[in-house]
Amino acid sequence: MLSTPDITRYKPGLNHLEKRIILVTGAGDGIGKAVAIGAAKSGATVILAGRTVAKLEQVYKLIIETGGPEPSIYPVDLAGATAKDYDDLGVLIDEQFGRLDGLLHNAAILGLRSPLTNYSSELWSKVIQVNLTAQFQMTQSLMTVLEKSQDASVIFTTSGVGRVGKAFWGAYAVSKFAIEGMVQTWASEVEGLGSVRINAINPGATRTNMRAQAFPGENPNDLKTPEDILPAYLYLLGQDSIGVNGQSIEAQLS
């Protein structure tokens, strides 16, 4: 595996992701949008998954305008989707593409920055559903099409507050601690069994709407843009990361 400095400077070759089928959740905005467009520029056919169809359509248009392969749109609300919905998605992908080469779990919600003592049970359940349970269910349902790829990469999104507990990060932090554990467990289970590798990326402090929600007083111009942290994602989505499994990778230097 490349070192963190090398990953942050990673420069893929031309058409690095050519003919790869990659699904990105939260593809309508922020990091998901940047990864979807970046992957398409590298030759991938991207399945744009997200809650807001209008935003997905804008990303679709941008990919077409920049000469990328025609993407697909899959509207999904992770808060309400069921295991059957993800099973149906797997069937659609199998019928249309025959396999899935990459799956980026980018979509998440912050919830409320609040003491756990005062945390709403309803909001707790929603954050855990979107940030953890839905991602488990989707990966489980798509494992069949992932296993049809010669080398499939599953990427979960982690956070610094999912490694060291910090006050007032509530269900968001707990969901990210769980993501770290799920990645390690699942990666251990698939190690040496086939073509699927499972890792996590910590995007770090990045100029996104969620970051602005969490730190409203922060100057966004002091932060990296989603495009700045693309190298880590393009590395894990491509064949240069074959053999990398069970790792939690930094998208930017601290």
C-alpha atoms as a PDB file:
ATOM      1  CA  MET A   1       0.000   0.000   0.000  1.00  0.00           C
ATOM      2  CA  LEU A   2       1.172   3.531  -0.704  1.00  0.00           C
ATOM      3  CA  SER A   3       2.073   5.753   2.240  1.00  0.00           C
ATOM      4  CA  THR A   4      -0.305   8.578   3.205  1.00  0.00           C
ATOM      5  CA  PRO A   5       1.858  11.264   1.522  1.00  0.00           C
ATOM      6  CA  ASP A   6       2.017   9.164  -1.641  1.00  0.00           C
ATOM      7  CA  ILE A   7      -1.749   8.566  -1.604  1.00  0.00           C
ATOM      8  CA  THR A   8      -2.484  12.286  -1.289  1.00  0.00           C
ATOM      9  CA  ARG A   9      -0.206  12.917  -4.291  1.00  0.00           C
ATOM     10  CA  TYR A  10      -1.438   9.946  -6.302  1.00  0.00           C
ATOM     11  CA  LYS A  11      -1.816  10.657 -10.020  1.00  0.00           C
ATOM     12  CA  PRO A  12      -3.658   7.946 -11.931  1.00  0.00           C
ATOM     13  CA  GLY A  13      -2.785   7.106 -15.488  1.00  0.00           C
ATOM     14  CA  LEU A  14      -4.952   8.037 -18.443  1.00  0.00           C
ATOM     15  CA  ASN A  15      -8.295   6.201 -18.389  1.00  0.00           C
ATOM     16  CA  HIS A  16      -7.330   4.746 -15.017  1.00  0.00           C
ATOM     17  CA  LEU A  17     -10.889   3.524 -14.401  1.00  0.00           C
ATOM     18  CA  GLU A  18     -11.861   2.672 -17.976  1.00  0.00           C
ATOM     19  CA  LYS A  19     -14.682   0.118 -18.248  1.00  0.00           C
ATOM     20  CA  ARG A  20     -15.151   0.023 -14.473  1.00  0.00           C
ATOM     21  CA  ILE A  21     -18.686   0.240 -13.066  1.00  0.00           C
ATOM     22  CA  ILE A  22     -18.749   2.351  -9.895  1.00  0.00           C
ATOM     23  CA  LEU A  23     -21.668   3.267  -7.637  1.00  0.00           C
ATOM     24  CA  VAL A  24     -21.389   6.422  -5.536  1.00  0.00           C
ATOM     25  CA  THR A  25     -23.895   7.333  -2.828  1.00  0.00           C
ATOM     26  CA  GLY A  26     -24.448  10.980  -2.039  1.00  0.00           C
ATOM     27  CA  ALA A  27     -23.382  11.684  -5.612  1.00  0.00           C
ATOM     28  CA  GLY A  28     -25.381  14.879  -5.942  1.00  0.00           C
ATOM     29  CA  ASP A  29     -23.164  17.137  -3.869  1.00  0.00           C
ATOM     30  CA  GLY A  30     -19.842  17.599  -2.101  1.00  0.00           C
ATOM     31  CA  ILE A  31     -17.339  14.751  -2.053  1.00  0.00           C
ATOM     32  CA  GLY A  32     -19.692  12.306  -3.754  1.00  0.00           C
ATOM     33  CA  LYS A  33     -20.200  14.668  -6.673  1.00  0.00           C
ATOM     34  CA  ALA A  34     -16.457  15.278  -7.015  1.00  0.00           C
ATOM     35  CA  VAL A  35     -15.661  11.555  -6.937  1.00  0.00           C
ATOM     36  CA  ALA A  36     -18.393  10.737  -9.452  1.00  0.00           C
ATOM     37  CA  ILE A  37     -17.128  13.351 -11.905  1.00  0.00           C
ATOM     38  CA  GLY A  38     -13.481  12.426 -11.273  1.00  0.00           C
ATOM     39  CA  ALA A  39     -14.172   8.735 -11.789  1.00  0.00           C
ATOM     40  CA  ALA A  40     -16.060   9.446 -15.010  1.00  0.00           C
ATOM     41  CA  LYS A  41     -13.156  11.576 -16.282  1.00  0.00           C
ATOM     42  CA  SER A  42     -10.954   8.539 -15.634  1.00  0.00           C
ATOM     43  CA  GLY A  43     -13.211   6.372 -17.791  1.00  0.00           C
ATOM     44  CA  ALA A  44     -15.624   4.824 -15.294  1.00  0.00           C
ATOM     45  CA  THR A  45     -19.324   4.347 -15.848  1.00  0.00           C
ATOM     46  CA  VAL A  46     -20.822   5.809 -12.682  1.00  0.00           C
ATOM     47  CA  ILE A  47     -24.099   4.951 -11.006  1.00  0.00           C
ATOM     48  CA  LEU A  48     -25.214   8.157  -9.299  1.00  0.00           C
ATOM     49  CA  ALA A  49     -27.133   7.320  -6.126  1.00  0.00           C
ATOM     50  CA  GLY A  50     -28.709   9.951  -3.935  1.00  0.00           C
ATOM     51  CA  ARG A  51     -31.850  11.424  -2.463  1.00  0.00           C
ATOM     52  CA  THR A  52     -32.319  14.540  -4.621  1.00  0.00           C
ATOM     53  CA  VAL A  53     -32.951  13.704  -8.260  1.00  0.00           C
ATOM     54  CA  ALA A  54     -32.398  17.283  -9.472  1.00  0.00           C
ATOM     55  CA  LYS A  55     -28.858  17.272  -8.065  1.00  0.00           C
ATOM     56  CA  LEU A  56     -28.119  13.871  -9.599  1.00  0.00           C
ATOM     57  CA  GLU A  57     -29.354  15.148 -12.948  1.00  0.00           C
ATOM     58  CA  GLN A  58     -26.958  18.100 -12.722  1.00  0.00           C
ATOM     59  CA  VAL A  59     -24.044  15.736 -12.100  1.00  0.00           C
ATOM     60  CA  TYR A  60     -25.248  13.543 -14.977  1.00  0.00           C
ATOM     61  CA  LYS A  61     -25.201  16.577 -17.266  1.00  0.00           C
ATOM     62  CA  LEU A  62     -21.707  17.626 -16.146  1.00  0.00           C
ATOM     63  CA  ILE A  63     -20.334  14.140 -16.818  1.00  0.00           C
ATOM     64  CA  ILE A  64     -21.857  14.068 -20.310  1.00  0.00           C
ATOM     65  CA  GLU A  65     -20.555  17.577 -21.050  1.00  0.00           C
ATOM     66  CA  THR A  66     -17.004  16.583 -20.076  1.00  0.00           C
ATOM     67  CA  GLY A  67     -17.079  13.549 -22.356  1.00  0.00           C
ATOM     68  CA  GLY A  68     -17.415  10.842 -19.715  1.00  0.00           C
ATOM     69  CA  PRO A  69     -19.309   7.587 -20.225  1.00  0.00           C
ATOM     70  CA  GLU A  70     -23.047   7.987 -19.799  1.00  0.00           C
ATOM     71  CA  PRO A  71     -23.864   7.510 -16.094  1.00  0.00           C
ATOM     72  CA  SER A  72     -26.988   6.012 -14.530  1.00  0.00           C
ATOM     73  CA  ILE A  73     -29.175   7.622 -11.873  1.00  0.00           C
ATOM     74  CA  TYR A  74     -30.553   5.670  -8.921  1.00  0.00           C
ATOM     75  CA  PRO A  75     -32.693   7.756  -6.559  1.00  0.00           C
ATOM     76  CA  VAL A  76     -32.561   6.391  -3.021  1.00  0.00           C
ATOM     77  CA  ASP A  77     -33.332   7.711   0.450  1.00  0.00           C
ATOM     78  CA  LEU A  78     -31.093   5.805   2.854  1.00  0.00           C
ATOM     79  CA  ALA A  79     -33.355   6.765   5.754  1.00  0.00           C
ATOM     80  CA  GLY A  80     -36.295   4.855   4.312  1.00  0.00           C
ATOM     81  CA  ALA A  81     -34.931   2.279   1.871  1.00  0.00           C
ATOM     82  CA  THR A  82     -35.314  -1.387   2.805  1.00  0.00           C
ATOM     83  CA  ALA A  83     -33.153  -4.451   2.277  1.00  0.00           C
ATOM     84  CA  LYS A  84     -35.468  -5.398  -0.606  1.00  0.00           C
ATOM     85  CA  ASP A  85     -34.772  -2.058  -2.295  1.00  0.00           C
ATOM     86  CA  TYR A  86     -31.055  -2.852  -2.221  1.00  0.00           C
ATOM     87  CA  ASP A  87     -31.712  -6.401  -3.444  1.00  0.00           C
ATOM     88  CA  ASP A  88     -33.647  -4.923  -6.368  1.00  0.00           C
ATOM     89  CA  LEU A  89     -30.741  -2.548  -7.055  1.00  0.00           C
ATOM     90  CA  GLY A  90     -28.400  -5.521  -7.214  1.00  0.00           C
ATOM     91  CA  VAL A  91     -30.659  -7.199  -9.769  1.00  0.00           C
ATOM     92  CA  LEU A  92     -30.760  -4.026 -11.881  1.00  0.00           C
ATOM     93  CA  ILE A  93     -26.980  -3.675 -11.842  1.00  0.00           C
ATOM     94  CA  ASP A  94     -26.558  -7.331 -12.760  1.00  0.00           C
ATOM     95  CA  GLU A  95     -28.994  -7.018 -15.656  1.00  0.00           C
ATOM     96  CA  GLN A  96     -27.517  -3.775 -16.995  1.00  0.00           C
ATOM     97  CA  PHE A  97     -23.792  -4.210 -16.337  1.00  0.00           C
ATOM     98  CA  GLY A  98     -23.182  -7.787 -15.199  1.00  0.00           C
ATOM     99  CA  ARG A  99     -20.963  -6.736 -12.309  1.00  0.00           C
ATOM    100  CA  LEU A 100     -19.993  -3.889  -9.975  1.00  0.00           C
ATOM    101  CA  ASP A 101     -16.334  -2.840  -9.707  1.00  0.00           C
ATOM    102  CA  GLY A 102     -16.583  -0.113  -7.088  1.00  0.00           C
ATOM    103  CA  LEU A 103     -18.910   1.017  -4.325  1.00  0.00           C
ATOM    104  CA  LEU A 104     -18.330   4.270  -2.458  1.00  0.00           C
ATOM    105  CA  HIS A 105     -20.447   4.856   0.633  1.00  0.00           C
ATOM    106  CA  ASN A 106     -20.251   8.625   0.843  1.00  0.00           C
ATOM    107  CA  ALA A 107     -23.758   9.654   1.904  1.00  0.00           C
ATOM    108  CA  ALA A 108     -24.205  10.441   5.603  1.00  0.00           C
ATOM    109  CA  ILE A 109     -25.990  12.832   7.930  1.00  0.00           C
ATOM    110  CA  LEU A 110     -24.544  14.753  10.862  1.00  0.00           C
ATOM    111  CA  GLY A 111     -27.517  14.651  13.183  1.00  0.00           C
ATOM    112  CA  LEU A 112     -27.133  17.016  16.115  1.00  0.00           C
ATOM    113  CA  ARG A 113     -24.020  18.045  17.996  1.00  0.00           C
ATOM    114  CA  SER A 114     -25.361  17.509  21.486  1.00  0.00           C
ATOM    115  CA  PRO A 115     -24.568  15.701  24.752  1.00  0.00           C
ATOM    116  CA  LEU A 116     -25.602  12.060  24.536  1.00  0.00           C
ATOM    117  CA  THR A 117     -27.635  12.556  27.710  1.00  0.00           C
ATOM    118  CA  ASN A 118     -29.939  14.898  25.799  1.00  0.00           C
ATOM    119  CA  TYR A 119     -29.858  13.130  22.431  1.00  0.00           C
ATOM    120  CA  SER A 120     -33.203  12.410  20.787  1.00  0.00           C
ATOM    121  CA  SER A 121     -33.861   8.675  20.357  1.00  0.00           C
ATOM    122  CA  GLU A 122     -35.654   9.357  17.084  1.00  0.00           C
ATOM    123  CA  LEU A 123     -32.709  11.297  15.660  1.00  0.00           C
ATOM    124  CA  TRP A 124     -30.294   8.680  17.001  1.00  0.00           C
ATOM    125  CA  SER A 125     -32.133   5.961  15.073  1.00  0.00           C
ATOM    126  CA  LYS A 126     -32.140   8.025  11.871  1.00  0.00           C
ATOM    127  CA  VAL A 127     -28.407   8.770  12.003  1.00  0.00           C
ATOM    128  CA  ILE A 128     -27.532   5.133  12.698  1.00  0.00           C
ATOM    129  CA  GLN A 129     -29.867   4.027   9.904  1.00  0.00           C
ATOM    130  CA  VAL A 130     -28.347   6.330   7.277  1.00  0.00           C
ATOM    131  CA  ASN A 131     -24.709   6.195   8.367  1.00  0.00           C
ATOM    132  CA  LEU A 132     -24.441   2.516   9.284  1.00  0.00           C
ATOM    133  CA  THR A 133     -27.391   0.180   8.765  1.00  0.00           C
ATOM    134  CA  ALA A 134     -28.227   1.281   5.210  1.00  0.00           C
ATOM    135  CA  GLN A 135     -24.583   0.941   4.218  1.00  0.00           C
ATOM    136  CA  PHE A 136     -24.441  -2.560   5.673  1.00  0.00           C
ATOM    137  CA  GLN A 137     -27.642  -3.541   3.883  1.00  0.00           C
ATOM    138  CA  MET A 138     -26.551  -2.087   0.546  1.00  0.00           C
ATOM    139  CA  THR A 139     -23.150  -3.766   0.658  1.00  0.00           C
ATOM    140  CA  GLN A 140     -24.695  -7.079   1.643  1.00  0.00           C
ATOM    141  CA  SER A 141     -27.214  -6.900  -1.212  1.00  0.00           C
ATOM    142  CA  LEU A 142     -24.574  -5.866  -3.772  1.00  0.00           C
ATOM    143  CA  MET A 143     -21.963  -8.424  -2.757  1.00  0.00           C
ATOM    144  CA  THR A 144     -23.135 -10.812  -5.488  1.00  0.00           C
ATOM    145  CA  VAL A 145     -22.441  -8.289  -8.273  1.00  0.00           C
ATOM    146  CA  LEU A 146     -19.246  -7.134  -6.559  1.00  0.00           C
ATOM    147  CA  GLU A 147     -17.992 -10.718  -6.547  1.00  0.00           C
ATOM    148  CA  LYS A 148     -18.531 -10.864 -10.325  1.00  0.00           C
ATOM    149  CA  SER A 149     -15.803  -8.228 -10.779  1.00  0.00           C
ATOM    150  CA  GLN A 150     -12.185  -9.281 -11.249  1.00  0.00           C
ATOM    151  CA  ASP A 151     -11.239  -6.768  -8.549  1.00  0.00           C
ATOM    152  CA  ALA A 152     -13.970  -4.908  -6.685  1.00  0.00           C
ATOM    153  CA  SER A 153     -13.337  -2.089  -4.229  1.00  0.00           C
ATOM    154  CA  VAL A 154     -15.783  -1.149  -1.474  1.00  0.00           C
ATOM    155  CA  ILE A 155     -15.059   2.137   0.302  1.00  0.00           C
ATOM    156  CA  PHE A 156     -16.737   3.308   3.485  1.00  0.00           C
ATOM    157  CA  THR A 157     -16.343   6.839   4.849  1.00  0.00           C
ATOM    158  CA  THR A 158     -14.928   7.276   8.324  1.00  0.00           C
ATOM    159  CA  SER A 159     -13.981  10.291  10.449  1.00  0.00           C
ATOM    160  CA  GLY A 160     -11.499  11.362  13.068  1.00  0.00           C
ATOM    161  CA  VAL A 161     -14.346  11.441  15.606  1.00  0.00           C
ATOM    162  CA  GLY A 162     -14.916   7.768  14.845  1.00  0.00           C
ATOM    163  CA  ARG A 163     -11.439   6.894  16.090  1.00  0.00           C
ATOM    164  CA  VAL A 164     -11.111   9.006  19.236  1.00  0.00           C
ATOM    165  CA  GLY A 165     -14.261   9.920  21.135  1.00  0.00           C
ATOM    166  CA  LYS A 166     -14.970  13.643  21.386  1.00  0.00           C
ATOM    167  CA  ALA A 167     -17.709  15.374  23.318  1.00  0.00           C
ATOM    168  CA  PHE A 168     -20.973  16.363  21.642  1.00  0.00           C
ATOM    169  CA  TRP A 169     -20.531  14.445  18.390  1.00  0.00           C
ATOM    170  CA  GLY A 170     -23.398  12.141  19.322  1.00  0.00           C
ATOM    171  CA  ALA A 171     -24.747   9.481  17.001  1.00  0.00           C
ATOM    172  CA  TYR A 172     -22.506  10.635  14.148  1.00  0.00           C
ATOM    173  CA  ALA A 173     -19.354   9.701  16.060  1.00  0.00           C
ATOM    174  CA  VAL A 174     -20.855   6.407  17.223  1.00  0.00           C
ATOM    175  CA  SER A 175     -21.823   5.530  13.641  1.00  0.00           C
ATOM    176  CA  LYS A 176     -18.265   6.181  12.479  1.00  0.00           C
ATOM    177  CA  PHE A 177     -16.774   4.061  15.266  1.00  0.00           C
ATOM    178  CA  ALA A 178     -19.090   1.304  14.032  1.00  0.00           C
ATOM    179  CA  ILE A 179     -17.997   1.856  10.419  1.00  0.00           C
ATOM    180  CA  GLU A 180     -14.369   1.348  11.458  1.00  0.00           C
ATOM    181  CA  GLY A 181     -15.313  -1.926  13.134  1.00  0.00           C
ATOM    182  CA  MET A 182     -17.450  -3.105  10.239  1.00  0.00           C
ATOM    183  CA  VAL A 183     -14.663  -2.437   7.739  1.00  0.00           C
ATOM    184  CA  GLN A 184     -12.159  -4.423   9.790  1.00  0.00           C
ATOM    185  CA  THR A 185     -14.596  -7.289  10.340  1.00  0.00           C
ATOM    186  CA  TRP A 186     -15.805  -7.525   6.749  1.00  0.00           C
ATOM    187  CA  ALA A 187     -12.314  -7.113   5.321  1.00  0.00           C
ATOM    188  CA  SER A 188     -11.114  -9.961   7.517  1.00  0.00           C
ATOM    189  CA  GLU A 189     -13.962 -12.135   6.252  1.00  0.00           C
ATOM    190  CA  VAL A 190     -13.227 -11.512   2.545  1.00  0.00           C
ATOM    191  CA  GLU A 191      -9.435 -11.651   2.853  1.00  0.00           C
ATOM    192  CA  GLY A 192      -8.106 -14.285   0.477  1.00  0.00           C
ATOM    193  CA  LEU A 193     -11.556 -15.520  -0.538  1.00  0.00           C
ATOM    194  CA  GLY A 194     -12.099 -13.666  -3.786  1.00  0.00           C
ATOM    195  CA  SER A 195     -11.772 -10.379  -5.581  1.00  0.00           C
ATOM    196  CA  VAL A 196     -13.459  -7.947  -3.158  1.00  0.00           C
ATOM    197  CA  ARG A 197     -11.470  -5.566  -0.959  1.00  0.00           C
ATOM    198  CA  ILE A 198     -13.007  -3.343   1.719  1.00  0.00           C
ATOM    199  CA  ASN A 199     -11.451  -0.167   3.105  1.00  0.00           C
ATOM    200  CA  ALA A 200     -12.345   3.171   4.673  1.00  0.00           C
ATOM    201  CA  ILE A 201     -11.342   6.737   3.839  1.00  0.00           C
ATOM    202  CA  ASN A 202     -11.229   9.640   6.256  1.00  0.00           C
ATOM    203  CA  PRO A 203     -11.721  12.729   4.074  1.00  0.00           C
ATOM    204  CA  GLY A 204     -10.588  15.077   6.852  1.00  0.00           C
ATOM    205  CA  ALA A 205     -11.593  18.727   7.055  1.00  0.00           C
ATOM    206  CA  THR A 206     -13.129  19.378   3.648  1.00  0.00           C
ATOM    207  CA  ARG A 207     -15.253  22.196   2.235  1.00  0.00           C
ATOM    208  CA  THR A 208     -18.683  20.554   2.311  1.00  0.00           C
ATOM    209  CA  ASN A 209     -22.147  21.446   3.556  1.00  0.00           C
ATOM    210  CA  MET A 210     -21.823  18.970   6.417  1.00  0.00           C
ATOM    211  CA  ARG A 211     -18.566  20.571   7.533  1.00  0.00           C
ATOM    212  CA  ALA A 212     -20.211  24.000   7.491  1.00  0.00           C
ATOM    213  CA  GLN A 213     -23.079  22.615   9.556  1.00  0.00           C
ATOM    214  CA  ALA A 214     -20.679  21.155  12.116  1.00  0.00           C
ATOM    215  CA  PHE A 215     -18.390  24.213  12.222  1.00  0.00           C
ATOM    216  CA  PRO A 216     -20.478  27.263  11.274  1.00  0.00           C
ATOM    217  CA  GLY A 217     -17.811  29.727  12.387  1.00  0.00           C
ATOM    218  CA  GLU A 218     -15.053  28.192  10.269  1.00  0.00           C
ATOM    219  CA  ASN A 219     -13.728  29.922   7.157  1.00  0.00           C
ATOM    220  CA  PRO A 220     -14.399  27.445   4.316  1.00  0.00           C
ATOM    221  CA  ASN A 221     -11.607  28.966   2.266  1.00  0.00           C
ATOM    222  CA  ASP A 222      -9.141  27.504   4.766  1.00  0.00           C
ATOM    223  CA  LEU A 223     -10.253  23.981   3.892  1.00  0.00           C
ATOM    224  CA  LYS A 224      -9.405  21.563   1.111  1.00  0.00           C
ATOM    225  CA  THR A 225     -12.054  21.229  -1.586  1.00  0.00           C
ATOM    226  CA  PRO A 226     -13.565  17.838  -2.477  1.00  0.00           C
ATOM    227  CA  GLU A 227     -11.538  17.945  -5.692  1.00  0.00           C
ATOM    228  CA  ASP A 228      -8.329  18.384  -3.661  1.00  0.00           C
ATOM    229  CA  ILE A 229      -8.815  15.039  -1.906  1.00  0.00           C
ATOM    230  CA  LEU A 230      -9.740  13.011  -4.995  1.00  0.00           C
ATOM    231  CA  PRO A 231      -6.399  11.147  -5.219  1.00  0.00           C
ATOM    232  CA  ALA A 232      -7.196   8.849  -2.286  1.00  0.00           C
ATOM    233  CA  TYR A 233     -10.541   7.876  -3.782  1.00  0.00           C
ATOM    234  CA  LEU A 234      -9.175   7.300  -7.280  1.00  0.00           C
ATOM    235  CA  TYR A 235      -6.395   5.187  -5.776  1.00  0.00           C
ATOM    236  CA  LEU A 236      -8.742   2.886  -3.879  1.00  0.00           C
ATOM    237  CA  LEU A 237     -11.239   2.626  -6.754  1.00  0.00           C
ATOM    238  CA  GLY A 238      -8.609   1.488  -9.242  1.00  0.00           C
ATOM    239  CA  GLN A 239      -6.379  -1.511  -9.782  1.00  0.00           C
ATOM    240  CA  ASP A 240      -3.313   0.115  -8.212  1.00  0.00           C
ATOM    241  CA  SER A 241      -4.866  -0.656  -4.816  1.00  0.00           C
ATOM    242  CA  ILE A 242      -5.346  -4.381  -5.428  1.00  0.00           C
ATOM    243  CA  GLY A 243      -4.284  -6.157  -2.253  1.00  0.00           C
ATOM    244  CA  VAL A 244      -5.139  -3.214   0.007  1.00  0.00           C
ATOM    245  CA  ASN A 245      -7.806  -4.513   2.379  1.00  0.00           C
ATOM    246  CA  GLY A 246      -9.046  -3.570   5.831  1.00  0.00           C
ATOM    247  CA  GLN A 247      -7.270  -0.214   5.885  1.00  0.00           C
ATOM    248  CA  SER A 248      -8.478   3.173   7.126  1.00  0.00           C
ATOM    249  CA  ILE A 249      -6.845   5.715   4.855  1.00  0.00           C
ATOM    250  CA  GLU A 250      -6.325   9.459   5.226  1.00  0.00           C
ATOM    251  CA  ALA A 251      -7.380  11.530   2.215  1.00  0.00           C
ATOM    252  CA  GLN A 252      -5.239  14.474   3.270  1.00  0.00           C
ATOM    253  CA  LEU A 253      -2.197  15.132   5.393  1.00  0.00           C
ATOM    254  CA  SER A 254      -2.954  16.415   8.883  1.00  0.00           C
END
